[in-house]
Amino acid sequence: MAETHNRKFPYNVTSAMRTTRPNGNVPLSIRTPSPWNSRILVVVLRGASARMDHYHERGILWWDVYNVDPEKVFVTGGSSGAMISNVLAATYPELIKAVWLYSGGPAGYFASASGGVAEWNSQCSQGQVVRTPQECATIVQNMYPGYNGARRPKMQIWHGSADTTLFPQNYEETIKQWTAVFNVSQTPTSVRQNYLEQMYTTSDYGLDVQGIYAEGTGHSVLPHLQDLEAWFGL
């Protein structure tokens, strides 16, 4: 496992409560008392038994203790859970195969100016934080300085056009962030209207980034579990 002490979290997530089931297919959820940092995070490990220990000062995940196969690690989250899932994808790119996000925001955007743990960031939530592609990518790269590996998890991003909790600009910024990280164009390679549902537009940005924009849908976009499994390749 690569060294983790150089990785930087924009959040001080503390007092995680862990729930694990040490069997073949292991859903592992983490809830924290600070909803704006990480309301819910679900990591699915298929065919491996694992535990996540959270070191709140250093953000170390002890995957290597249990010899977890990175090809069987998937992350998903909604709202603030999507934000922390983005952070995990940026901080542990070599340990995660795929990420599925809904109604969230880009990695690093919601960090409070004061460094507080449970502070709401109205500027970010209202879509007023707009950055260049390079600025977006730099945020991700700075979460794991010096990482030069080719491996990064593929990203699927869902968002509703009528979201007034995390405005739709957060969707645009998340697409911008990950297309920049993967060094692909922000112009989709394919666009499918009314897919996966009526009023949903699915846009592909190469093989590793996909956006699903739900017209008229608020916060949160409902989970589509079969589509989640398809994106994960399960």
C-alpha atoms as a PDB file:
ATOM      1  CA  MET A   1       0.000   0.000   0.000  1.00  0.00           C
ATOM      2  CA  ALA A   2       1.277   3.473  -0.810  1.00  0.00           C
ATOM      3  CA  GLU A   3       2.217   5.697   2.082  1.00  0.00           C
ATOM      4  CA  THR A   4      -0.727   7.685   3.329  1.00  0.00           C
ATOM      5  CA  HIS A   5       0.736  10.316   5.599  1.00  0.00           C
ATOM      6  CA  ASN A   6       1.052  12.876   2.789  1.00  0.00           C
ATOM      7  CA  ARG A   7      -2.643  12.773   1.938  1.00  0.00           C
ATOM      8  CA  LYS A   8      -4.672  15.790   2.921  1.00  0.00           C
ATOM      9  CA  PHE A   9      -8.340  15.882   3.903  1.00  0.00           C
ATOM     10  CA  PRO A  10     -10.202  19.201   3.694  1.00  0.00           C
ATOM     11  CA  TYR A  11     -12.476  18.078   6.525  1.00  0.00           C
ATOM     12  CA  ASN A  12     -11.804  17.194  10.149  1.00  0.00           C
ATOM     13  CA  VAL A  13     -14.213  14.273  10.323  1.00  0.00           C
ATOM     14  CA  THR A  14     -14.342  12.903  13.852  1.00  0.00           C
ATOM     15  CA  SER A  15     -16.051  10.329  16.017  1.00  0.00           C
ATOM     16  CA  ALA A  16     -17.001   7.965  13.212  1.00  0.00           C
ATOM     17  CA  MET A  17     -19.388   5.197  14.179  1.00  0.00           C
ATOM     18  CA  ARG A  18     -18.585   2.027  12.272  1.00  0.00           C
ATOM     19  CA  THR A  19     -20.844  -0.825  11.254  1.00  0.00           C
ATOM     20  CA  THR A  20     -19.346  -3.871   9.566  1.00  0.00           C
ATOM     21  CA  ARG A  21     -20.516  -7.297   8.578  1.00  0.00           C
ATOM     22  CA  PRO A  22     -17.539  -9.650   8.158  1.00  0.00           C
ATOM     23  CA  ASN A  23     -18.972 -11.907   5.483  1.00  0.00           C
ATOM     24  CA  GLY A  24     -18.625 -12.398   1.747  1.00  0.00           C
ATOM     25  CA  ASN A  25     -20.292  -9.175   0.638  1.00  0.00           C
ATOM     26  CA  VAL A  26     -19.527  -6.484   3.164  1.00  0.00           C
ATOM     27  CA  PRO A  27     -21.431  -3.208   3.239  1.00  0.00           C
ATOM     28  CA  LEU A  28     -19.676  -0.830   5.568  1.00  0.00           C
ATOM     29  CA  SER A  29     -21.272   2.466   6.522  1.00  0.00           C
ATOM     30  CA  ILE A  30     -19.853   5.385   8.417  1.00  0.00           C
ATOM     31  CA  ARG A  31     -21.967   8.069  10.027  1.00  0.00           C
ATOM     32  CA  THR A  32     -20.562  11.105  11.762  1.00  0.00           C
ATOM     33  CA  PRO A  33     -22.288  13.659  13.984  1.00  0.00           C
ATOM     34  CA  SER A  34     -21.162  16.364  11.564  1.00  0.00           C
ATOM     35  CA  PRO A  35     -23.614  16.125   8.647  1.00  0.00           C
ATOM     36  CA  TRP A  36     -21.993  18.795   6.509  1.00  0.00           C
ATOM     37  CA  ASN A  37     -18.765  16.818   6.471  1.00  0.00           C
ATOM     38  CA  SER A  38     -19.979  13.265   5.983  1.00  0.00           C
ATOM     39  CA  ARG A  39     -23.620  12.463   6.547  1.00  0.00           C
ATOM     40  CA  ILE A  40     -23.430   8.974   5.119  1.00  0.00           C
ATOM     41  CA  LEU A  41     -20.716   7.043   3.360  1.00  0.00           C
ATOM     42  CA  VAL A  42     -21.139   3.505   2.139  1.00  0.00           C
ATOM     43  CA  VAL A  43     -18.201   1.432   1.017  1.00  0.00           C
ATOM     44  CA  VAL A  44     -19.022  -1.928  -0.538  1.00  0.00           C
ATOM     45  CA  LEU A  45     -16.405  -4.663  -0.397  1.00  0.00           C
ATOM     46  CA  ARG A  46     -17.326  -7.812  -2.270  1.00  0.00           C
ATOM     47  CA  GLY A  47     -15.548 -11.044  -1.401  1.00  0.00           C
ATOM     48  CA  ALA A  48     -13.418  -9.523   1.346  1.00  0.00           C
ATOM     49  CA  SER A  49     -13.707  -8.869   5.048  1.00  0.00           C
ATOM     50  CA  ALA A  50     -12.603  -5.424   6.075  1.00  0.00           C
ATOM     51  CA  ARG A  51     -12.823  -2.661   8.609  1.00  0.00           C
ATOM     52  CA  MET A  52     -12.283   1.066   8.264  1.00  0.00           C
ATOM     53  CA  ASP A  53     -10.475   2.732  11.158  1.00  0.00           C
ATOM     54  CA  HIS A  54     -10.696   6.489  10.969  1.00  0.00           C
ATOM     55  CA  TYR A  55      -7.750   8.448  12.247  1.00  0.00           C
ATOM     56  CA  HIS A  56      -9.345  11.871  12.280  1.00  0.00           C
ATOM     57  CA  GLU A  57      -6.057  13.778  12.291  1.00  0.00           C
ATOM     58  CA  ARG A  58      -4.442  11.885   9.446  1.00  0.00           C
ATOM     59  CA  GLY A  59      -7.283  10.272   7.501  1.00  0.00           C
ATOM     60  CA  ILE A  60      -5.660   6.844   7.194  1.00  0.00           C
ATOM     61  CA  LEU A  61      -7.695   3.886   5.959  1.00  0.00           C
ATOM     62  CA  TRP A  62      -6.127   0.621   7.043  1.00  0.00           C
ATOM     63  CA  TRP A  63      -7.045  -1.377   3.948  1.00  0.00           C
ATOM     64  CA  ASP A  64      -3.661  -3.107   3.867  1.00  0.00           C
ATOM     65  CA  VAL A  65      -4.180  -4.661   7.297  1.00  0.00           C
ATOM     66  CA  TYR A  66      -6.909  -6.814   5.765  1.00  0.00           C
ATOM     67  CA  ASN A  67      -5.336  -7.232   2.332  1.00  0.00           C
ATOM     68  CA  VAL A  68      -8.370  -5.788   0.523  1.00  0.00           C
ATOM     69  CA  ASP A  69      -8.341  -6.059  -3.266  1.00  0.00           C
ATOM     70  CA  PRO A  70      -8.755  -2.514  -4.725  1.00  0.00           C
ATOM     71  CA  GLU A  71     -10.620  -4.070  -7.661  1.00  0.00           C
ATOM     72  CA  LYS A  72     -13.410  -4.899  -5.192  1.00  0.00           C
ATOM     73  CA  VAL A  73     -13.710  -1.532  -3.463  1.00  0.00           C
ATOM     74  CA  PHE A  74     -16.540   0.831  -4.450  1.00  0.00           C
ATOM     75  CA  VAL A  75     -17.743   4.082  -2.895  1.00  0.00           C
ATOM     76  CA  THR A  76     -21.126   5.779  -3.046  1.00  0.00           C
ATOM     77  CA  GLY A  77     -22.819   8.636  -1.231  1.00  0.00           C
ATOM     78  CA  GLY A  78     -25.571  11.214  -1.481  1.00  0.00           C
ATOM     79  CA  SER A  79     -25.508  14.933  -0.649  1.00  0.00           C
ATOM     80  CA  SER A  80     -22.660  15.468   1.846  1.00  0.00           C
ATOM     81  CA  GLY A  81     -21.936  11.752   1.483  1.00  0.00           C
ATOM     82  CA  ALA A  82     -21.223  12.449  -2.181  1.00  0.00           C
ATOM     83  CA  MET A  83     -18.844  15.217  -1.151  1.00  0.00           C
ATOM     84  CA  ILE A  84     -16.833  12.944   1.132  1.00  0.00           C
ATOM     85  CA  SER A  85     -16.932  10.212  -1.531  1.00  0.00           C
ATOM     86  CA  ASN A  86     -15.306  12.708  -3.888  1.00  0.00           C
ATOM     87  CA  VAL A  87     -12.700  13.373  -1.208  1.00  0.00           C
ATOM     88  CA  LEU A  88     -11.995   9.659  -0.837  1.00  0.00           C
ATOM     89  CA  ALA A  89     -11.638   9.295  -4.606  1.00  0.00           C
ATOM     90  CA  ALA A  90      -9.131  12.142  -4.610  1.00  0.00           C
ATOM     91  CA  THR A  91      -7.215  10.971  -1.548  1.00  0.00           C
ATOM     92  CA  TYR A  92      -7.123   7.204  -2.131  1.00  0.00           C
ATOM     93  CA  PRO A  93      -7.232   6.828  -5.934  1.00  0.00           C
ATOM     94  CA  GLU A  94      -5.296   3.566  -5.994  1.00  0.00           C
ATOM     95  CA  LEU A  95      -7.607   1.884  -3.466  1.00  0.00           C
ATOM     96  CA  ILE A  96     -11.008   2.451  -5.114  1.00  0.00           C
ATOM     97  CA  LYS A  97     -12.315   1.008  -8.371  1.00  0.00           C
ATOM     98  CA  ALA A  98     -15.420   3.138  -8.956  1.00  0.00           C
ATOM     99  CA  VAL A  99     -17.494   5.911  -7.351  1.00  0.00           C
ATOM    100  CA  TRP A 100     -21.226   6.679  -7.680  1.00  0.00           C
ATOM    101  CA  LEU A 101     -22.359  10.135  -6.520  1.00  0.00           C
ATOM    102  CA  TYR A 102     -25.763  11.775  -6.286  1.00  0.00           C
ATOM    103  CA  SER A 103     -26.746  15.324  -5.349  1.00  0.00           C
ATOM    104  CA  GLY A 104     -23.351  16.315  -4.020  1.00  0.00           C
ATOM    105  CA  GLY A 105     -20.504  18.672  -4.762  1.00  0.00           C
ATOM    106  CA  PRO A 106     -16.874  18.563  -5.875  1.00  0.00           C
ATOM    107  CA  ALA A 107     -13.975  17.473  -3.724  1.00  0.00           C
ATOM    108  CA  GLY A 108     -12.689  20.294  -1.568  1.00  0.00           C
ATOM    109  CA  TYR A 109     -15.322  22.901  -2.415  1.00  0.00           C
ATOM    110  CA  PHE A 110     -17.267  22.718   0.835  1.00  0.00           C
ATOM    111  CA  ALA A 111     -14.361  23.186   3.246  1.00  0.00           C
ATOM    112  CA  SER A 112     -15.162  26.118   5.513  1.00  0.00           C
ATOM    113  CA  ALA A 113     -12.975  29.203   5.374  1.00  0.00           C
ATOM    114  CA  SER A 114     -12.481  29.049   9.138  1.00  0.00           C
ATOM    115  CA  GLY A 115     -11.626  25.345   9.172  1.00  0.00           C
ATOM    116  CA  GLY A 116     -14.672  24.536  11.281  1.00  0.00           C
ATOM    117  CA  VAL A 117     -16.045  21.013  11.384  1.00  0.00           C
ATOM    118  CA  ALA A 118     -19.787  21.549  11.053  1.00  0.00           C
ATOM    119  CA  GLU A 119     -20.083  24.816   9.181  1.00  0.00           C
ATOM    120  CA  TRP A 120     -22.443  25.231   6.248  1.00  0.00           C
ATOM    121  CA  ASN A 121     -20.875  26.804   3.163  1.00  0.00           C
ATOM    122  CA  SER A 122     -23.625  28.862   1.524  1.00  0.00           C
ATOM    123  CA  GLN A 123     -21.386  30.105  -1.253  1.00  0.00           C
ATOM    124  CA  CYS A 124     -20.667  26.557  -2.364  1.00  0.00           C
ATOM    125  CA  SER A 125     -24.172  25.213  -1.800  1.00  0.00           C
ATOM    126  CA  GLN A 126     -25.709  28.006  -3.872  1.00  0.00           C
ATOM    127  CA  GLY A 127     -23.390  27.334  -6.784  1.00  0.00           C
ATOM    128  CA  GLN A 128     -21.400  30.537  -6.464  1.00  0.00           C
ATOM    129  CA  VAL A 129     -18.017  28.792  -6.417  1.00  0.00           C
ATOM    130  CA  VAL A 130     -16.904  28.512 -10.037  1.00  0.00           C
ATOM    131  CA  ARG A 131     -13.367  27.474 -10.873  1.00  0.00           C
ATOM    132  CA  THR A 132     -11.338  26.758 -13.980  1.00  0.00           C
ATOM    133  CA  PRO A 133     -10.720  23.126 -14.941  1.00  0.00           C
ATOM    134  CA  GLN A 134      -7.099  23.398 -13.829  1.00  0.00           C
ATOM    135  CA  GLU A 135      -8.110  24.841 -10.472  1.00  0.00           C
ATOM    136  CA  CYS A 136     -10.568  21.970 -10.013  1.00  0.00           C
ATOM    137  CA  ALA A 137      -7.946  19.373 -10.869  1.00  0.00           C
ATOM    138  CA  THR A 138      -5.371  20.990  -8.596  1.00  0.00           C
ATOM    139  CA  ILE A 139      -7.694  20.570  -5.606  1.00  0.00           C
ATOM    140  CA  VAL A 140      -7.805  16.822  -6.261  1.00  0.00           C
ATOM    141  CA  GLN A 141      -4.071  16.562  -6.909  1.00  0.00           C
ATOM    142  CA  ASN A 142      -3.271  18.437  -3.693  1.00  0.00           C
ATOM    143  CA  MET A 143      -5.208  15.863  -1.666  1.00  0.00           C
ATOM    144  CA  TYR A 144      -2.534  13.302  -2.566  1.00  0.00           C
ATOM    145  CA  PRO A 145       0.600  15.305  -3.412  1.00  0.00           C
ATOM    146  CA  GLY A 146       3.079  13.482  -5.550  1.00  0.00           C
ATOM    147  CA  TYR A 147       0.714  10.731  -6.690  1.00  0.00           C
ATOM    148  CA  ASN A 148       1.706   9.777 -10.221  1.00  0.00           C
ATOM    149  CA  GLY A 149      -0.148   6.497 -10.568  1.00  0.00           C
ATOM    150  CA  ALA A 150      -2.334   5.856 -13.587  1.00  0.00           C
ATOM    151  CA  ARG A 151      -5.105   4.352 -11.501  1.00  0.00           C
ATOM    152  CA  ARG A 152      -8.069   6.482 -10.484  1.00  0.00           C
ATOM    153  CA  PRO A 153     -11.638   5.350  -9.833  1.00  0.00           C
ATOM    154  CA  LYS A 154     -14.178   5.990 -12.551  1.00  0.00           C
ATOM    155  CA  MET A 155     -16.806   8.532 -11.543  1.00  0.00           C
ATOM    156  CA  GLN A 156     -20.569   8.628 -12.110  1.00  0.00           C
ATOM    157  CA  ILE A 157     -22.283  11.876 -11.038  1.00  0.00           C
ATOM    158  CA  TRP A 158     -26.067  12.346 -10.602  1.00  0.00           C
ATOM    159  CA  HIS A 159     -27.806  15.651  -9.918  1.00  0.00           C
ATOM    160  CA  GLY A 160     -31.220  17.285 -10.186  1.00  0.00           C
ATOM    161  CA  SER A 161     -31.860  20.527 -12.055  1.00  0.00           C
ATOM    162  CA  ALA A 162     -34.251  21.730  -9.319  1.00  0.00           C
ATOM    163  CA  ASP A 163     -31.893  21.106  -6.411  1.00  0.00           C
ATOM    164  CA  THR A 164     -32.085  24.102  -4.062  1.00  0.00           C
ATOM    165  CA  THR A 165     -29.937  22.525  -1.335  1.00  0.00           C
ATOM    166  CA  LEU A 166     -26.846  21.991  -3.470  1.00  0.00           C
ATOM    167  CA  PHE A 167     -27.496  24.029  -6.597  1.00  0.00           C
ATOM    168  CA  PRO A 168     -26.927  22.451 -10.034  1.00  0.00           C
ATOM    169  CA  GLN A 169     -23.687  24.387 -10.532  1.00  0.00           C
ATOM    170  CA  ASN A 170     -22.196  21.836  -8.139  1.00  0.00           C
ATOM    171  CA  TYR A 171     -22.918  19.187 -10.774  1.00  0.00           C
ATOM    172  CA  GLU A 172     -21.167  21.269 -13.417  1.00  0.00           C
ATOM    173  CA  GLU A 173     -18.181  21.797 -11.144  1.00  0.00           C
ATOM    174  CA  THR A 174     -17.941  18.076 -10.315  1.00  0.00           C
ATOM    175  CA  ILE A 175     -18.005  17.173 -14.014  1.00  0.00           C
ATOM    176  CA  LYS A 176     -15.412  19.880 -14.637  1.00  0.00           C
ATOM    177  CA  GLN A 177     -13.231  18.573 -11.812  1.00  0.00           C
ATOM    178  CA  TRP A 178     -13.095  14.946 -12.875  1.00  0.00           C
ATOM    179  CA  THR A 179     -12.831  15.554 -16.618  1.00  0.00           C
ATOM    180  CA  ALA A 180      -9.839  17.766 -15.807  1.00  0.00           C
ATOM    181  CA  VAL A 181      -8.323  15.110 -13.559  1.00  0.00           C
ATOM    182  CA  PHE A 182      -8.734  12.486 -16.294  1.00  0.00           C
ATOM    183  CA  ASN A 183      -7.530  15.016 -18.883  1.00  0.00           C
ATOM    184  CA  VAL A 184     -10.565  14.621 -21.118  1.00  0.00           C
ATOM    185  CA  SER A 185     -12.790  17.217 -22.734  1.00  0.00           C
ATOM    186  CA  GLN A 186     -15.780  18.764 -20.990  1.00  0.00           C
ATOM    187  CA  THR A 187     -17.642  18.188 -24.243  1.00  0.00           C
ATOM    188  CA  PRO A 188     -19.400  14.810 -23.918  1.00  0.00           C
ATOM    189  CA  THR A 189     -18.371  11.989 -26.201  1.00  0.00           C
ATOM    190  CA  SER A 190     -22.020  10.865 -26.188  1.00  0.00           C
ATOM    191  CA  VAL A 191     -25.331  12.251 -24.914  1.00  0.00           C
ATOM    192  CA  ARG A 192     -28.491  10.170 -24.391  1.00  0.00           C
ATOM    193  CA  GLN A 193     -31.760  11.978 -23.743  1.00  0.00           C
ATOM    194  CA  ASN A 194     -34.467  10.412 -21.561  1.00  0.00           C
ATOM    195  CA  TYR A 195     -32.006   7.798 -20.293  1.00  0.00           C
ATOM    196  CA  LEU A 196     -32.006   6.217 -17.679  1.00  0.00           C
ATOM    197  CA  GLU A 197     -35.453   7.727 -17.074  1.00  0.00           C
ATOM    198  CA  GLN A 198     -37.695  10.257 -18.757  1.00  0.00           C
ATOM    199  CA  MET A 199     -36.251  13.761 -18.285  1.00  0.00           C
ATOM    200  CA  TYR A 200     -32.827  12.322 -17.442  1.00  0.00           C
ATOM    201  CA  THR A 201     -29.868  13.169 -19.674  1.00  0.00           C
ATOM    202  CA  THR A 202     -26.875  10.836 -19.524  1.00  0.00           C
ATOM    203  CA  SER A 203     -23.582  12.267 -20.776  1.00  0.00           C
ATOM    204  CA  ASP A 204     -20.374  10.294 -21.199  1.00  0.00           C
ATOM    205  CA  TYR A 205     -16.971  11.929 -21.019  1.00  0.00           C
ATOM    206  CA  GLY A 206     -14.850   9.080 -22.231  1.00  0.00           C
ATOM    207  CA  LEU A 207     -14.868   5.833 -20.273  1.00  0.00           C
ATOM    208  CA  ASP A 208     -14.237   7.123 -16.757  1.00  0.00           C
ATOM    209  CA  VAL A 209     -16.647  10.021 -16.196  1.00  0.00           C
ATOM    210  CA  GLN A 210     -20.414   9.931 -16.661  1.00  0.00           C
ATOM    211  CA  GLY A 211     -23.013  12.519 -15.673  1.00  0.00           C
ATOM    212  CA  ILE A 212     -26.747  11.965 -15.198  1.00  0.00           C
ATOM    213  CA  TYR A 213     -28.748  15.198 -15.037  1.00  0.00           C
ATOM    214  CA  ALA A 214     -32.354  14.873 -13.880  1.00  0.00           C
ATOM    215  CA  GLU A 215     -34.565  17.680 -15.191  1.00  0.00           C
ATOM    216  CA  GLY A 216     -37.098  18.897 -12.620  1.00  0.00           C
ATOM    217  CA  THR A 217     -35.665  16.759  -9.808  1.00  0.00           C
ATOM    218  CA  GLY A 218     -34.699  18.316  -6.492  1.00  0.00           C
ATOM    219  CA  HIS A 219     -32.485  17.178  -3.658  1.00  0.00           C
ATOM    220  CA  SER A 220     -31.849  14.281  -3.535  1.00  0.00           C
ATOM    221  CA  VAL A 221     -31.928  12.315  -6.762  1.00  0.00           C
ATOM    222  CA  LEU A 222     -33.379   8.925  -5.922  1.00  0.00           C
ATOM    223  CA  PRO A 223     -30.849   6.068  -5.918  1.00  0.00           C
ATOM    224  CA  HIS A 224     -30.984   3.725  -8.896  1.00  0.00           C
ATOM    225  CA  LEU A 225     -29.448   0.612  -7.423  1.00  0.00           C
ATOM    226  CA  GLN A 226     -29.387  -1.513 -10.570  1.00  0.00           C
ATOM    227  CA  ASP A 227     -27.604   1.275 -12.406  1.00  0.00           C
ATOM    228  CA  LEU A 228     -25.189   1.589  -9.483  1.00  0.00           C
ATOM    229  CA  GLU A 229     -24.315  -2.091  -9.767  1.00  0.00           C
ATOM    230  CA  ALA A 230     -23.889  -1.765 -13.530  1.00  0.00           C
ATOM    231  CA  TRP A 231     -21.490   1.159 -13.085  1.00  0.00           C
ATOM    232  CA  PHE A 232     -19.543  -0.827 -10.507  1.00  0.00           C
ATOM    233  CA  GLY A 233     -19.465  -3.820 -12.880  1.00  0.00           C
ATOM    234  CA  LEU A 234     -21.167  -6.102 -10.355  1.00  0.00           C
END
